[in-house]
N, C-alpha and C. Protein backbone atom coordinates (compact mmCIF):
# COMPACT_ATOMS: atom_id res chain seq x y z
N UNK A 1 -40.66 -75.83 68.41
CA UNK A 1 -41.30 -74.75 67.63
C UNK A 1 -40.60 -74.87 66.26
N UNK A 2 -41.29 -74.89 65.21
CA UNK A 2 -40.59 -74.79 63.93
C UNK A 2 -40.30 -73.52 63.37
N UNK A 3 -39.65 -73.40 62.31
CA UNK A 3 -39.20 -72.06 61.71
C UNK A 3 -40.39 -71.29 61.34
N UNK A 4 -41.36 -71.80 60.76
CA UNK A 4 -42.61 -70.93 60.18
C UNK A 4 -43.29 -70.42 61.52
N UNK A 5 -43.34 -71.12 62.82
CA UNK A 5 -44.05 -70.49 63.86
C UNK A 5 -43.12 -69.26 64.37
N UNK A 6 -41.79 -69.38 64.22
CA UNK A 6 -41.03 -68.37 64.68
C UNK A 6 -41.05 -67.03 63.76
N UNK A 7 -41.35 -67.25 62.59
CA UNK A 7 -41.55 -66.14 61.61
C UNK A 7 -42.73 -65.37 61.71
N UNK A 8 -43.88 -65.97 62.21
CA UNK A 8 -45.13 -65.17 62.33
C UNK A 8 -45.58 -65.31 63.73
N UNK A 9 -45.86 -64.16 64.25
CA UNK A 9 -46.44 -64.09 65.56
C UNK A 9 -47.82 -63.40 65.46
N UNK A 10 -48.72 -63.56 66.54
CA UNK A 10 -50.15 -63.00 66.51
C UNK A 10 -50.34 -62.29 67.76
N UNK A 11 -51.28 -61.35 67.73
CA UNK A 11 -51.67 -60.58 68.83
C UNK A 11 -53.23 -60.30 68.53
N UNK A 12 -54.05 -60.56 69.69
CA UNK A 12 -55.50 -60.23 69.61
C UNK A 12 -55.56 -58.82 70.14
N UNK A 13 -56.04 -57.95 69.45
CA UNK A 13 -56.16 -56.56 69.62
C UNK A 13 -57.60 -56.01 69.77
N UNK A 14 -57.93 -55.05 70.58
CA UNK A 14 -59.19 -54.51 70.64
C UNK A 14 -59.12 -53.41 69.43
N UNK A 15 -60.18 -53.36 68.78
CA UNK A 15 -60.16 -52.39 67.64
C UNK A 15 -59.75 -50.96 67.99
N UNK A 16 -60.31 -50.51 69.19
CA UNK A 16 -59.99 -49.21 69.62
C UNK A 16 -58.50 -48.89 69.97
N UNK A 17 -57.81 -50.02 70.59
CA UNK A 17 -56.44 -49.89 70.77
C UNK A 17 -55.55 -49.66 69.46
N UNK A 18 -55.89 -50.60 68.51
CA UNK A 18 -55.17 -50.57 67.31
C UNK A 18 -55.54 -49.32 66.49
N UNK A 19 -56.79 -48.77 66.51
CA UNK A 19 -57.02 -47.58 65.91
C UNK A 19 -56.25 -46.32 66.50
N UNK A 20 -56.27 -46.34 67.77
CA UNK A 20 -55.53 -45.30 68.46
C UNK A 20 -54.04 -45.28 68.03
N UNK A 21 -53.42 -46.46 67.99
CA UNK A 21 -52.01 -46.54 67.52
C UNK A 21 -51.82 -45.92 65.96
N UNK A 22 -52.88 -46.30 65.18
CA UNK A 22 -52.79 -45.76 63.89
C UNK A 22 -52.96 -44.26 63.84
N UNK A 23 -53.87 -43.81 64.62
CA UNK A 23 -54.22 -42.33 64.63
C UNK A 23 -53.13 -41.50 65.23
N UNK A 24 -52.40 -42.02 66.31
CA UNK A 24 -51.35 -41.26 66.91
C UNK A 24 -50.21 -41.11 65.85
N UNK A 25 -49.89 -41.95 64.98
CA UNK A 25 -49.04 -41.68 63.97
C UNK A 25 -47.57 -41.95 64.46
N UNK A 26 -47.42 -42.52 65.56
CA UNK A 26 -46.02 -42.67 66.18
C UNK A 26 -45.28 -43.93 65.64
N UNK A 27 -46.16 -44.72 64.87
CA UNK A 27 -45.52 -46.00 64.28
C UNK A 27 -45.45 -47.10 65.39
N UNK A 28 -46.03 -47.02 66.39
CA UNK A 28 -45.96 -48.04 67.46
C UNK A 28 -47.26 -48.33 68.11
N UNK A 29 -47.57 -49.58 68.40
CA UNK A 29 -48.64 -50.06 69.15
C UNK A 29 -48.35 -50.33 70.51
N UNK A 30 -49.19 -49.79 71.43
CA UNK A 30 -48.89 -50.04 72.87
C UNK A 30 -50.26 -50.41 73.46
N UNK A 31 -50.26 -51.32 74.52
CA UNK A 31 -51.51 -51.68 75.29
C UNK A 31 -51.09 -51.63 76.80
N UNK A 32 -52.17 -51.78 77.47
CA UNK A 32 -51.99 -51.58 78.97
C UNK A 32 -50.97 -52.53 79.59
N UNK A 33 -50.95 -53.76 79.04
CA UNK A 33 -50.02 -54.78 79.64
C UNK A 33 -48.60 -54.41 79.49
N UNK A 34 -48.21 -53.49 78.55
CA UNK A 34 -46.86 -52.97 78.42
C UNK A 34 -46.43 -52.31 79.67
N UNK A 35 -47.43 -51.45 80.17
CA UNK A 35 -47.13 -50.67 81.41
C UNK A 35 -47.19 -51.50 82.55
N UNK A 36 -48.25 -52.31 82.66
CA UNK A 36 -48.48 -53.07 83.96
C UNK A 36 -47.57 -54.32 84.06
N UNK A 37 -47.34 -54.89 82.98
CA UNK A 37 -46.49 -56.21 83.11
C UNK A 37 -45.13 -56.09 82.43
N UNK A 38 -45.01 -55.07 81.60
CA UNK A 38 -43.78 -54.88 80.94
C UNK A 38 -43.62 -55.55 79.60
N UNK A 39 -44.65 -56.01 79.07
CA UNK A 39 -44.68 -56.79 77.71
C UNK A 39 -45.98 -56.69 77.17
N UNK A 40 -45.99 -56.99 75.82
CA UNK A 40 -47.28 -57.27 74.97
C UNK A 40 -47.43 -58.71 74.93
N UNK A 41 -48.60 -59.17 75.07
CA UNK A 41 -48.82 -60.67 75.04
C UNK A 41 -48.97 -61.01 73.55
N UNK A 42 -48.18 -62.01 73.11
CA UNK A 42 -48.34 -62.60 71.80
C UNK A 42 -48.69 -63.98 71.68
N UNK A 43 -48.88 -64.59 70.60
CA UNK A 43 -49.16 -66.01 70.53
C UNK A 43 -48.50 -66.46 69.17
N UNK A 44 -48.28 -67.79 69.07
CA UNK A 44 -48.04 -68.32 67.78
C UNK A 44 -49.24 -68.88 67.15
N UNK A 45 -49.21 -69.28 65.93
CA UNK A 45 -50.41 -69.67 65.22
C UNK A 45 -51.24 -70.62 66.02
N UNK A 46 -50.63 -71.65 66.50
CA UNK A 46 -51.49 -72.80 67.13
C UNK A 46 -52.08 -72.34 68.54
N UNK A 47 -51.62 -71.03 69.04
CA UNK A 47 -52.10 -70.66 70.32
C UNK A 47 -53.29 -69.61 70.27
N UNK A 48 -53.34 -68.66 69.36
CA UNK A 48 -54.21 -67.64 69.27
C UNK A 48 -55.60 -67.89 69.61
N UNK A 49 -56.12 -69.06 69.04
CA UNK A 49 -57.61 -69.46 69.15
C UNK A 49 -57.98 -69.59 70.58
N UNK A 50 -57.13 -70.38 71.32
CA UNK A 50 -57.26 -70.53 72.64
C UNK A 50 -57.18 -69.36 73.62
N UNK A 51 -56.27 -68.40 73.25
CA UNK A 51 -56.25 -67.15 73.83
C UNK A 51 -57.51 -66.42 73.74
N UNK A 52 -58.01 -66.42 72.50
CA UNK A 52 -59.26 -65.68 72.11
C UNK A 52 -60.44 -66.25 73.04
N UNK A 53 -60.55 -67.49 73.15
CA UNK A 53 -61.63 -68.03 73.90
C UNK A 53 -61.56 -68.01 75.36
N UNK A 54 -60.23 -68.07 75.90
CA UNK A 54 -60.00 -67.94 77.35
C UNK A 54 -59.99 -66.49 77.80
N UNK A 55 -59.42 -65.59 77.22
CA UNK A 55 -59.12 -64.28 77.66
C UNK A 55 -60.03 -63.31 77.09
N UNK A 56 -60.74 -63.48 75.83
CA UNK A 56 -61.63 -62.52 75.25
C UNK A 56 -63.09 -62.95 75.05
N UNK A 57 -63.48 -64.04 75.85
CA UNK A 57 -64.84 -64.59 75.65
C UNK A 57 -65.96 -63.44 75.80
N UNK A 58 -66.75 -63.34 74.88
CA UNK A 58 -67.89 -62.41 74.95
C UNK A 58 -67.49 -61.07 74.39
N UNK A 59 -66.26 -60.68 74.16
CA UNK A 59 -65.87 -59.41 73.70
C UNK A 59 -66.09 -59.23 72.28
N UNK A 60 -66.36 -58.04 71.79
CA UNK A 60 -66.60 -57.73 70.36
C UNK A 60 -65.53 -56.75 69.95
N UNK A 61 -65.54 -56.48 68.64
CA UNK A 61 -64.48 -55.43 68.04
C UNK A 61 -63.13 -55.85 68.22
N UNK A 62 -62.85 -57.23 68.04
CA UNK A 62 -61.50 -57.73 68.20
C UNK A 62 -60.76 -57.98 66.79
N UNK A 63 -59.61 -57.70 66.81
CA UNK A 63 -58.85 -57.86 65.50
C UNK A 63 -57.62 -58.88 65.87
N UNK A 64 -57.28 -59.61 64.73
CA UNK A 64 -56.16 -60.46 64.90
C UNK A 64 -55.05 -59.82 64.12
N UNK A 65 -53.92 -59.37 64.79
CA UNK A 65 -52.72 -58.81 64.10
C UNK A 65 -51.80 -59.91 63.82
N UNK A 66 -51.33 -60.20 62.48
CA UNK A 66 -50.24 -61.05 62.21
C UNK A 66 -49.01 -60.22 62.10
N UNK A 67 -48.04 -60.74 62.77
CA UNK A 67 -46.80 -60.06 62.91
C UNK A 67 -45.64 -60.81 62.25
N UNK A 68 -44.85 -60.06 61.48
CA UNK A 68 -43.49 -60.62 60.95
C UNK A 68 -42.51 -60.50 61.95
N UNK A 69 -42.14 -61.64 62.65
CA UNK A 69 -41.11 -61.63 63.71
C UNK A 69 -39.88 -60.94 63.31
N UNK A 70 -39.47 -60.98 62.08
CA UNK A 70 -38.26 -60.38 61.60
C UNK A 70 -38.21 -58.88 61.62
N UNK A 71 -39.49 -58.34 61.80
CA UNK A 71 -39.55 -56.88 61.66
C UNK A 71 -39.77 -56.34 63.07
N UNK A 72 -39.95 -57.11 64.05
CA UNK A 72 -40.01 -56.65 65.43
C UNK A 72 -38.88 -56.00 66.05
N UNK A 73 -38.85 -54.89 66.43
CA UNK A 73 -37.75 -54.19 66.94
C UNK A 73 -37.31 -54.28 68.46
N UNK A 74 -38.13 -54.93 69.22
CA UNK A 74 -37.85 -55.21 70.60
C UNK A 74 -37.83 -56.65 70.85
N UNK A 75 -37.19 -56.93 72.08
CA UNK A 75 -37.01 -58.41 72.43
C UNK A 75 -38.25 -59.23 72.59
N UNK A 76 -38.32 -60.36 71.95
CA UNK A 76 -39.37 -61.28 72.22
C UNK A 76 -38.80 -62.54 72.89
N UNK A 77 -39.55 -62.80 74.12
CA UNK A 77 -39.15 -63.93 74.81
C UNK A 77 -40.24 -64.84 75.03
N UNK A 78 -39.93 -66.20 74.74
CA UNK A 78 -40.98 -67.34 74.95
C UNK A 78 -40.88 -67.76 76.35
N UNK A 79 -41.93 -67.53 77.10
CA UNK A 79 -42.02 -67.70 78.65
C UNK A 79 -43.17 -68.58 79.02
N UNK A 80 -42.98 -69.37 79.98
CA UNK A 80 -44.11 -70.31 80.32
C UNK A 80 -45.24 -69.60 80.96
N UNK A 81 -46.38 -70.10 80.59
CA UNK A 81 -47.67 -69.56 81.04
C UNK A 81 -48.77 -70.70 80.59
N UNK A 82 -49.57 -71.03 81.57
CA UNK A 82 -50.77 -71.89 81.33
C UNK A 82 -50.27 -73.16 80.65
N UNK A 83 -49.19 -73.82 80.99
CA UNK A 83 -48.79 -75.03 80.48
C UNK A 83 -48.09 -74.99 79.18
N UNK A 84 -47.81 -73.84 78.74
CA UNK A 84 -47.12 -73.70 77.35
C UNK A 84 -46.12 -72.53 77.34
N UNK A 85 -45.48 -72.27 76.42
CA UNK A 85 -44.52 -71.19 76.19
C UNK A 85 -45.21 -70.16 75.31
N UNK A 86 -45.36 -68.94 75.76
CA UNK A 86 -46.03 -67.85 74.86
C UNK A 86 -45.00 -66.77 74.62
N UNK A 87 -45.15 -66.34 73.43
CA UNK A 87 -44.09 -65.07 73.24
C UNK A 87 -44.62 -63.68 73.82
N UNK A 88 -43.67 -63.06 74.60
CA UNK A 88 -43.87 -61.79 75.04
C UNK A 88 -42.93 -60.78 74.40
N UNK A 89 -43.50 -59.70 74.02
CA UNK A 89 -42.87 -58.61 73.31
C UNK A 89 -42.36 -57.44 74.48
N UNK A 90 -41.20 -57.41 74.64
CA UNK A 90 -40.71 -56.46 75.68
C UNK A 90 -40.51 -54.94 75.07
N UNK A 91 -41.44 -54.42 74.66
CA UNK A 91 -41.48 -53.07 74.05
C UNK A 91 -42.67 -52.90 73.18
N UNK A 92 -42.86 -51.66 72.56
CA UNK A 92 -43.94 -51.51 71.72
C UNK A 92 -43.83 -52.17 70.45
N UNK A 93 -44.91 -52.50 69.81
CA UNK A 93 -44.93 -53.13 68.60
C UNK A 93 -44.92 -52.18 67.45
N UNK A 94 -43.93 -52.22 66.51
CA UNK A 94 -43.73 -51.37 65.37
C UNK A 94 -44.82 -51.79 64.49
N UNK A 95 -45.57 -50.63 64.15
CA UNK A 95 -46.71 -50.80 63.22
C UNK A 95 -46.42 -51.57 61.82
N UNK A 96 -45.22 -51.25 61.32
CA UNK A 96 -44.75 -51.96 60.03
C UNK A 96 -44.40 -53.31 60.27
N UNK A 97 -44.42 -53.94 61.57
CA UNK A 97 -44.13 -55.34 61.65
C UNK A 97 -45.44 -56.04 61.60
N UNK A 98 -46.57 -55.37 61.45
CA UNK A 98 -47.80 -56.05 61.29
C UNK A 98 -48.25 -56.27 59.80
N UNK A 99 -48.38 -57.49 59.33
CA UNK A 99 -48.42 -57.81 57.90
C UNK A 99 -49.87 -57.94 57.52
N UNK A 100 -50.74 -58.30 58.54
CA UNK A 100 -52.09 -58.43 58.13
C UNK A 100 -53.03 -58.18 59.38
N UNK A 101 -54.19 -57.61 59.28
CA UNK A 101 -55.21 -57.27 60.34
C UNK A 101 -56.44 -57.91 59.90
N UNK A 102 -56.90 -58.82 60.67
CA UNK A 102 -58.23 -59.61 60.51
C UNK A 102 -59.10 -59.34 61.49
N UNK A 103 -60.37 -59.19 61.05
CA UNK A 103 -61.54 -59.08 62.04
C UNK A 103 -61.83 -60.43 62.59
N UNK A 104 -61.97 -60.44 63.90
CA UNK A 104 -62.42 -61.76 64.50
C UNK A 104 -63.87 -61.79 64.83
N UNK A 105 -64.31 -60.71 65.51
CA UNK A 105 -65.68 -60.65 65.92
C UNK A 105 -65.97 -59.36 66.53
């Protein structure tokens, strides 16, 4: 993995989850996987499109969060899954770590 990949991480978010995090005003984004699995699923740039097609096929109101890894306040571990190593965030995502939000579909 090159340095550029380590600097930017990505998360596919449901619009309702992202909006809830903004509305709560706590400065952190949480999703169900944080409670059920202990982490938030992230991707690097070359992975997020495959994640979109595999895990979000047919879903609407999705956003791509681009994350500055240097601003992440909890541990990120690259762990094996589906023949690759994916970043997992072991804690809530700080809203100010998100540097761009893009509509996917």
